[in-house]
C-alpha atoms as a PDB file:
ATOM      1  CA  UNK A   1     -46.693  28.822  -3.001  1.00  0.00           C
ATOM      2  CA  UNK A   2     -46.863  27.054   0.383  1.00  0.00           C
ATOM      3  CA  UNK A   3     -48.495  29.319   3.030  1.00  0.00           C
ATOM      4  CA  UNK A   4     -47.621  27.619   6.364  1.00  0.00           C
ATOM      5  CA  UNK A   5     -44.386  26.640   8.014  1.00  0.00           C
ATOM      6  CA  UNK A   6     -44.402  23.264   9.544  1.00  0.00           C
ATOM      7  CA  UNK A   7     -42.146  23.042  12.701  1.00  0.00           C
ATOM      8  CA  UNK A   8     -41.995  19.283  12.572  1.00  0.00           C
ATOM      9  CA  UNK A   9     -40.863  18.801   8.982  1.00  0.00           C
ATOM     10  CA  UNK A  10     -38.887  22.108   9.078  1.00  0.00           C
ATOM     11  CA  UNK A  11     -40.155  23.219   5.697  1.00  0.00           C
ATOM     12  CA  UNK A  12     -42.823  25.416   4.228  1.00  0.00           C
ATOM     13  CA  UNK A  13     -46.015  23.172   3.292  1.00  0.00           C
ATOM     14  CA  UNK A  14     -49.558  23.690   2.086  1.00  0.00           C
ATOM     15  CA  UNK A  15     -52.028  22.987   4.845  1.00  0.00           C
ATOM     16  CA  UNK A  16     -55.259  20.921   4.633  1.00  0.00           C
ATOM     17  CA  UNK A  17     -58.491  21.788   6.472  1.00  0.00           C
ATOM     18  CA  UNK A  18     -57.456  25.340   6.441  1.00  0.00           C
ATOM     19  CA  UNK A  19     -59.742  27.396   8.794  1.00  0.00           C
ATOM     20  CA  UNK A  20     -59.940  31.300   9.257  1.00  0.00           C
ATOM     21  CA  UNK A  21     -60.017  32.240  12.793  1.00  0.00           C
ATOM     22  CA  UNK A  22     -59.873  35.696  14.671  1.00  0.00           C
ATOM     23  CA  UNK A  23     -57.644  36.206  17.577  1.00  0.00           C
ATOM     24  CA  UNK A  24     -58.700  37.707  20.915  1.00  0.00           C
ATOM     25  CA  UNK A  25     -57.214  41.093  19.769  1.00  0.00           C
ATOM     26  CA  UNK A  26     -59.135  41.129  16.648  1.00  0.00           C
ATOM     27  CA  UNK A  27     -56.279  40.139  14.280  1.00  0.00           C
ATOM     28  CA  UNK A  28     -56.990  37.461  11.571  1.00  0.00           C
ATOM     29  CA  UNK A  29     -55.285  34.147  11.513  1.00  0.00           C
ATOM     30  CA  UNK A  30     -55.392  30.787   9.927  1.00  0.00           C
ATOM     31  CA  UNK A  31     -55.151  27.277  11.242  1.00  0.00           C
ATOM     32  CA  UNK A  32     -54.322  24.251   9.215  1.00  0.00           C
ATOM     33  CA  UNK A  33     -52.952  20.567   9.455  1.00  0.00           C
ATOM     34  CA  UNK A  34     -49.673  19.664   7.623  1.00  0.00           C
ATOM     35  CA  UNK A  35     -50.494  17.379   4.860  1.00  0.00           C
ATOM     36  CA  UNK A  36     -47.388  15.196   5.370  1.00  0.00           C
ATOM     37  CA  UNK A  37     -46.974  14.641   9.207  1.00  0.00           C
ATOM     38  CA  UNK A  38     -50.318  15.786  10.490  1.00  0.00           C
ATOM     39  CA  UNK A  39     -48.993  18.408  12.904  1.00  0.00           C
ATOM     40  CA  UNK A  40     -51.166  21.528  13.412  1.00  0.00           C
ATOM     41  CA  UNK A  41     -49.986  24.772  11.846  1.00  0.00           C
ATOM     42  CA  UNK A  42     -50.816  28.343  12.562  1.00  0.00           C
ATOM     43  CA  UNK A  43     -50.302  31.683  10.757  1.00  0.00           C
ATOM     44  CA  UNK A  44     -51.091  35.012  11.895  1.00  0.00           C
ATOM     45  CA  UNK A  45     -52.170  37.677   9.207  1.00  0.00           C
END
């Protein structure tokens, strides 16, 4: 099941180069790149 939403493609996609990060307030988040168009994607939680 796709984990990220690509704003440019306007669809849910799997990301490549997924990286786990922590926000300033301590919440976990994930960054990735769209495998189709190369746009950066971000998901909190």
